[in-house]
Amino acid sequence: MLEVTDKNFESEIIKAGKPAIVDFWAPWCGPCRVMAPAFEALAAKNPDVKFAKINVDENNETANKYRVASIPTVLFFKDGIIKDMSVGAVPEAALQKFIERNK
């Protein structure tokens, strides 16, 4: 799983050259930990999408830029623009639908 930071977010996500899905999370967040295995499983099932995680405690500049107020928040980027978002822990099937509707 790719870990992005404030410093490399633009090069890794905005200029990715393919759709990217980013999980905004924190180590202390229980729902984030619950959702992590589903996010990782989906990364393996969707090689045409770039999957990344960003720790909001360590990278608050990016979290603030995208107005992430609750975690987990998942943002779907296409052509460098946010196409969709999901807030709160969701099951793997719901995340897969989220991905399919935004590709």
Protein backbone atom coordinates (compact mmCIF):
# COMPACT_ATOMS: atom_id res chain seq x y z
CA MET A 1 0.00 0.00 0.00
CA LEU A 2 1.40 3.36 -1.03
CA GLU A 3 1.75 5.84 1.85
CA VAL A 4 1.57 9.40 0.57
CA THR A 5 2.54 12.59 2.39
CA ASP A 6 2.03 16.33 2.07
CA LYS A 7 5.27 16.44 0.08
CA ASN A 8 4.50 13.76 -2.51
CA PHE A 9 0.68 13.92 -2.73
CA GLU A 10 0.64 15.94 -5.93
CA SER A 11 3.18 13.81 -7.77
CA GLU A 12 1.74 10.48 -6.58
CA ILE A 13 -1.99 11.25 -6.75
CA ILE A 14 -2.81 14.40 -8.70
CA LYS A 15 -0.33 13.59 -11.49
CA ALA A 16 -0.75 9.80 -11.22
CA GLY A 17 -1.80 9.29 -14.83
CA LYS A 18 -4.58 6.96 -13.75
CA PRO A 19 -7.47 7.06 -11.29
CA ALA A 20 -6.38 7.18 -7.66
CA ILE A 21 -8.23 6.39 -4.46
CA VAL A 22 -6.88 7.81 -1.20
CA ASP A 23 -7.76 6.72 2.32
CA PHE A 24 -7.37 9.56 4.84
CA TRP A 25 -6.79 7.83 8.18
CA ALA A 26 -5.01 7.93 11.56
CA PRO A 27 -3.50 5.13 13.68
CA TRP A 28 -5.81 5.86 16.63
CA CYS A 29 -8.98 5.65 14.50
CA GLY A 30 -10.87 2.41 15.15
CA PRO A 31 -13.07 2.58 12.03
CA CYS A 32 -9.94 3.26 9.95
CA ARG A 33 -8.34 0.06 11.25
CA VAL A 34 -11.54 -1.90 10.57
CA MET A 35 -11.65 -0.67 6.97
CA ALA A 36 -7.93 -1.20 6.23
CA PRO A 37 -8.14 -4.90 5.20
CA ALA A 38 -10.96 -4.18 2.72
CA PHE A 39 -9.02 -1.27 1.24
CA GLU A 40 -5.94 -3.47 0.81
CA ALA A 41 -7.98 -6.30 -0.74
CA LEU A 42 -9.51 -3.90 -3.24
CA ALA A 43 -6.08 -2.62 -4.22
CA ALA A 44 -5.18 -6.16 -5.29
CA LYS A 45 -8.44 -6.54 -7.24
CA ASN A 46 -8.23 -3.18 -9.05
CA PRO A 47 -4.77 -2.81 -10.61
CA ASP A 48 -6.03 -0.06 -12.93
CA VAL A 49 -6.54 2.24 -9.92
CA LYS A 50 -3.76 3.62 -7.73
CA PHE A 51 -4.47 3.04 -4.02
CA ALA A 52 -2.87 5.17 -1.32
CA LYS A 53 -3.21 6.04 2.35
CA ILE A 54 -2.40 9.33 4.03
CA ASN A 55 -2.04 9.75 7.79
CA VAL A 56 -3.95 12.92 8.67
CA ASP A 57 -2.02 13.43 11.92
CA GLU A 58 1.28 13.62 10.06
CA ASN A 59 -0.04 15.30 6.91
CA ASN A 60 -2.61 17.83 8.00
CA GLU A 61 -1.82 20.23 5.15
CA THR A 62 -3.30 17.83 2.59
CA ALA A 63 -6.20 16.88 4.88
CA ASN A 64 -7.04 20.57 5.33
CA LYS A 65 -6.70 21.30 1.61
CA TYR A 66 -9.33 18.67 0.82
CA ARG A 67 -11.46 19.59 3.86
CA VAL A 68 -11.25 16.18 5.47
CA ALA A 69 -13.12 16.69 8.75
CA SER A 70 -13.90 13.06 9.65
CA ILE A 71 -11.96 9.87 9.18
CA PRO A 72 -11.90 7.52 7.50
CA THR A 73 -12.55 9.57 4.39
CA VAL A 74 -11.88 8.08 0.97
CA LEU A 75 -11.41 10.41 -1.99
CA PHE A 76 -11.47 9.24 -5.60
CA PHE A 77 -9.33 11.29 -7.97
CA LYS A 78 -9.54 11.15 -11.75
CA ASP A 79 -7.43 13.39 -13.96
CA GLY A 80 -6.24 15.17 -10.81
CA ILE A 81 -9.74 16.17 -9.71
CA ILE A 82 -11.87 14.77 -6.89
CA LYS A 83 -14.64 12.81 -8.54
CA ASP A 84 -16.27 11.34 -5.41
CA MET A 85 -15.86 10.85 -1.69
CA SER A 86 -16.95 8.45 1.01
CA VAL A 87 -16.93 9.29 4.72
CA GLY A 88 -16.95 6.66 7.44
CA ALA A 89 -16.12 2.98 7.48
CA VAL A 90 -17.77 1.06 4.66
CA PRO A 91 -17.65 -2.63 3.74
CA GLU A 92 -15.54 -3.94 0.88
CA ALA A 93 -18.54 -4.41 -1.45
CA ALA A 94 -19.61 -0.79 -0.99
CA LEU A 95 -16.06 0.42 -1.69
CA GLN A 96 -15.94 -1.72 -4.84
CA LYS A 97 -19.17 -0.10 -6.07
CA PHE A 98 -17.67 3.30 -5.22
CA ILE A 99 -14.65 2.46 -7.39
CA GLU A 100 -16.68 1.08 -10.29
CA ARG A 101 -18.97 4.09 -10.51
CA ASN A 102 -15.98 6.46 -10.65
CA LYS A 103 -13.51 4.78 -13.00
